[in-house]
Amino acid sequence: MIQFNTLKISQDSKTLSIDLQIEDKSYYRNMYLKAIYIDTQDTFVDSTTPSNTPVFKYFFPDDTSTEYHISLDKLDLNGTDLSNNIFFVFVEVAGTPGPDTPCGEDNIFTIGTVYSKYPIYEKWYSYIKEINNSCCIPQNFIDYFLRIEALNLSISVNDYLQTVYLYKNYFKDYVLNKQFKNCNCNG
C-alpha cells in the first residue's frame, strides 16, 4: 500500500531521508496516512505493529495526507546514532480500501528498513588486501561479504526477527580494526 520513494541514510550517517506515498491505485483512493513510527533493532517487537517505545513517531493532523517527506537527524530520533542502528519504519494508514483490493494488499501497516551502509562497507573494505594475497583464500573478506548478504536477504524476505539477530550480532557496535579469530572458524 505504501511506496517508499526514498528511504536512506546519508553517507556521513547524519540524516535519515524518508519520502513515501500511498500507491497510486484506484482501490486506495479513500486511504490516507495516519502515523509513522520508527523502531531500531533494540525496540523492534514484530513486523505486524510498531513497538510501544519507538525512537520516532508522527501522527498526521488530518485525513488528507497521502504523501510524506522528511529528513531526520540524531536529535529527531531520541539521540539514536544513525551509523550504528538498523531502522524499521512503520507507516500506518487509515480509511477504507476499495472492494477490489487484492488479497493481502489491505494491511494498515507497511514496513521499510534502512541502515547506514557506509560503516559496514568500510569495515568490509578493510579486508580487501586479502584478495591480493594469492597464497591464501580471503576468508575474512568472504565471511564479511556473506554476513552482509545474509542481512540483505533477511530484509528482502521480510524475516525481520532474523534481520535483528544478524544486525545485533555482526554489525552493531562494529570496530573497524577488530579482526576475526585466528582459528579460521570465525565463531
Protein backbone atom coordinates (compact mmCIF):
# COMPACT_ATOMS: atom_id res chain seq x y z
CA MET A 1 0.00 0.00 0.00
CA ILE A 2 2.90 2.34 0.77
CA GLN A 3 5.55 3.14 -1.79
CA PHE A 4 8.90 4.29 -0.40
CA ASN A 5 10.37 6.64 -2.99
CA THR A 6 13.36 7.31 -0.74
CA LEU A 7 14.41 5.53 2.42
CA LYS A 8 18.12 6.04 3.03
CA ILE A 9 20.75 7.24 5.44
CA SER A 10 23.26 9.74 4.09
CA GLN A 11 26.84 8.58 3.55
CA ASP A 12 28.01 10.64 6.52
CA SER A 13 25.29 8.97 8.65
CA LYS A 14 23.86 12.32 9.73
CA THR A 15 20.44 12.23 8.04
CA LEU A 16 17.66 9.71 7.51
CA SER A 17 15.62 10.70 4.45
CA ILE A 18 12.10 9.40 4.01
CA ASP A 19 9.88 10.08 1.01
CA LEU A 20 6.76 7.96 0.79
CA GLN A 21 3.28 7.92 -0.62
CA ILE A 22 0.20 5.79 -0.79
CA GLU A 23 0.43 3.85 -4.03
CA ASP A 24 -1.49 5.40 -6.89
CA LYS A 25 -4.07 2.65 -7.35
CA SER A 26 -7.82 3.10 -7.66
CA TYR A 27 -8.61 0.88 -4.66
CA TYR A 28 -6.51 3.14 -2.37
CA ARG A 29 -8.46 6.26 -3.34
CA ASN A 30 -10.09 6.56 0.11
CA MET A 31 -6.92 5.82 2.09
CA TYR A 32 -4.74 8.34 3.93
CA LEU A 33 -1.64 8.39 6.11
CA LYS A 34 -2.36 8.07 9.82
CA ALA A 35 1.04 7.74 11.54
CA ILE A 36 4.71 6.91 11.16
CA TYR A 37 6.74 5.06 13.78
CA ILE A 38 10.43 4.20 13.69
CA ASP A 39 11.93 1.37 15.71
CA THR A 40 15.53 0.14 15.89
CA GLN A 41 16.87 -3.36 16.43
CA ASP A 42 16.65 -2.61 20.17
CA THR A 43 12.96 -1.61 20.20
CA PHE A 44 11.63 -3.82 17.38
CA VAL A 45 8.99 -6.33 18.52
CA ASP A 46 7.46 -7.84 15.38
CA SER A 47 6.62 -6.99 11.80
CA THR A 48 2.88 -6.52 12.34
CA THR A 49 2.95 -3.41 14.54
CA PRO A 50 5.49 -0.94 15.90
CA SER A 51 6.71 -1.20 19.47
CA ASN A 52 5.38 0.85 22.37
CA THR A 53 8.76 2.62 22.56
CA PRO A 54 9.68 3.77 19.05
CA VAL A 55 12.53 6.24 18.65
CA PHE A 56 10.28 8.41 16.46
CA LYS A 57 6.57 8.80 15.92
CA TYR A 58 4.48 11.26 13.99
CA PHE A 59 0.70 11.44 13.76
CA PHE A 60 -0.82 13.16 10.76
CA PRO A 61 -3.13 16.01 11.80
CA ASP A 62 -5.92 15.27 9.32
CA ASP A 63 -7.24 12.63 6.98
CA THR A 64 -5.99 14.15 3.73
CA SER A 65 -2.28 13.26 3.65
CA THR A 66 -1.28 10.74 1.00
CA GLU A 67 2.44 11.53 0.86
CA TYR A 68 5.17 12.47 3.30
CA HIS A 69 8.72 13.83 3.02
CA ILE A 70 11.09 14.33 5.93
CA SER A 71 14.77 14.35 6.84
CA LEU A 72 15.58 13.27 10.37
CA ASP A 73 18.77 13.55 12.36
CA LYS A 74 20.03 12.06 15.61
CA LEU A 75 18.09 14.55 17.74
CA ASP A 76 14.83 13.76 15.94
CA LEU A 77 15.40 10.07 16.72
CA ASN A 78 15.80 10.47 20.50
CA GLY A 79 19.59 10.62 20.22
CA THR A 80 19.81 7.37 18.25
CA ASP A 81 23.04 7.07 16.26
CA LEU A 82 22.27 6.71 12.56
CA SER A 83 25.56 4.97 11.77
CA ASN A 84 25.14 2.16 14.26
CA ASN A 85 21.49 1.05 14.09
CA ILE A 86 19.04 -0.51 11.71
CA PHE A 87 15.72 1.32 11.44
CA PHE A 88 12.28 -0.18 10.89
CA VAL A 89 9.92 2.47 9.51
CA PHE A 90 6.28 1.57 10.12
CA VAL A 91 3.71 3.53 8.14
CA GLU A 92 0.12 3.30 9.34
CA VAL A 93 -2.77 4.14 7.04
CA ALA A 94 -6.45 4.66 7.67
CA GLY A 95 -9.54 4.82 5.54
CA THR A 96 -11.37 2.18 3.61
CA PRO A 97 -9.69 0.34 0.73
CA GLY A 98 -11.87 -0.41 -2.27
CA PRO A 99 -13.70 -3.72 -2.52
CA ASP A 100 -11.48 -4.71 -5.45
CA THR A 101 -8.30 -4.53 -3.33
CA PRO A 102 -6.26 -7.69 -3.93
CA CYS A 103 -5.92 -10.10 -1.04
CA GLY A 104 -3.07 -9.11 1.27
CA GLU A 105 -2.78 -5.57 -0.05
CA ASP A 106 -5.08 -4.05 2.55
CA ASN A 107 -2.74 -4.14 5.55
CA ILE A 108 -2.84 -1.00 7.64
CA PHE A 109 0.92 -1.17 8.37
CA THR A 110 3.73 -1.17 5.83
CA ILE A 111 7.30 -1.58 6.98
CA GLY A 112 10.52 -0.33 5.43
CA THR A 113 14.05 -0.98 6.65
CA VAL A 114 17.19 1.07 6.36
CA TYR A 115 20.69 1.07 7.79
CA SER A 116 23.84 3.04 7.16
CA LYS A 117 25.82 1.05 4.63
CA TYR A 118 28.97 3.14 4.66
CA PRO A 119 30.37 1.98 8.04
CA ILE A 120 29.63 -1.63 7.16
CA TYR A 121 31.23 -1.36 3.73
CA GLU A 122 34.16 0.49 5.26
CA LYS A 123 34.86 -2.47 7.54
CA TRP A 124 34.39 -4.92 4.68
CA TYR A 125 36.81 -2.90 2.58
CA SER A 126 39.44 -3.27 5.31
CA TYR A 127 39.68 -6.93 4.24
CA ILE A 128 40.28 -6.12 0.57
CA LYS A 129 44.03 -6.64 0.87
CA GLU A 130 43.35 -10.34 1.45
CA ILE A 131 42.37 -10.62 -2.22
CA ASN A 132 45.89 -9.57 -3.24
CA ASN A 133 47.43 -12.49 -1.36
CA SER A 134 47.27 -15.28 -3.93
CA CYS A 135 48.61 -17.80 -1.39
CA CYS A 136 45.50 -17.71 0.79
CA ILE A 137 41.76 -17.76 0.40
CA PRO A 138 40.45 -14.32 1.52
CA GLN A 139 38.44 -15.78 4.39
CA ASN A 140 37.65 -12.58 6.31
CA PHE A 141 36.64 -10.82 3.10
CA ILE A 142 34.35 -13.69 2.08
CA ASP A 143 32.95 -14.14 5.58
CA TYR A 144 32.02 -10.47 5.88
CA PHE A 145 30.51 -10.47 2.40
CA LEU A 146 28.30 -13.42 3.35
CA ARG A 147 27.18 -11.65 6.52
CA ILE A 148 26.15 -8.58 4.52
CA GLU A 149 24.31 -10.75 2.01
CA ALA A 150 22.54 -12.65 4.81
CA LEU A 151 21.38 -9.34 6.31
CA ASN A 152 20.10 -8.08 2.96
CA LEU A 153 18.42 -11.42 2.21
CA SER A 154 16.60 -11.43 5.57
CA ILE A 155 15.32 -7.93 4.79
CA SER A 156 14.26 -8.96 1.27
CA VAL A 157 12.16 -11.87 2.54
CA ASN A 158 10.71 -9.80 5.43
CA ASP A 159 12.25 -12.01 8.12
CA TYR A 160 12.77 -9.08 10.46
CA LEU A 161 13.49 -11.15 13.57
CA GLN A 162 16.42 -12.70 11.67
CA THR A 163 17.38 -9.22 10.48
CA VAL A 164 17.53 -8.01 14.08
CA TYR A 165 19.60 -11.05 15.10
CA LEU A 166 22.08 -10.59 12.24
CA TYR A 167 22.43 -6.86 12.76
CA LYS A 168 22.95 -7.15 16.52
CA ASN A 169 25.48 -9.96 16.21
CA TYR A 170 27.51 -8.87 13.19
CA PHE A 171 27.14 -5.14 12.62
CA LYS A 172 26.06 -3.30 15.78
CA ASP A 173 28.94 -1.57 17.51
CA TYR A 174 31.34 -2.52 14.73
CA VAL A 175 35.00 -1.86 15.34
CA LEU A 176 36.92 -1.16 12.17
CA ASN A 177 40.20 -2.66 13.37
CA LYS A 178 38.66 -5.72 15.01
CA GLN A 179 39.95 -8.88 13.40
CA PHE A 180 38.26 -12.27 13.27
CA LYS A 181 39.63 -15.14 15.36
CA ASN A 182 42.74 -16.88 14.07
CA CYS A 183 41.17 -20.33 14.38
CA ASN A 184 39.63 -19.84 10.91
CA CYS A 185 36.21 -20.72 12.31
CA ASN A 186 35.10 -17.11 12.98
CA GLY A 187 32.76 -18.46 15.64
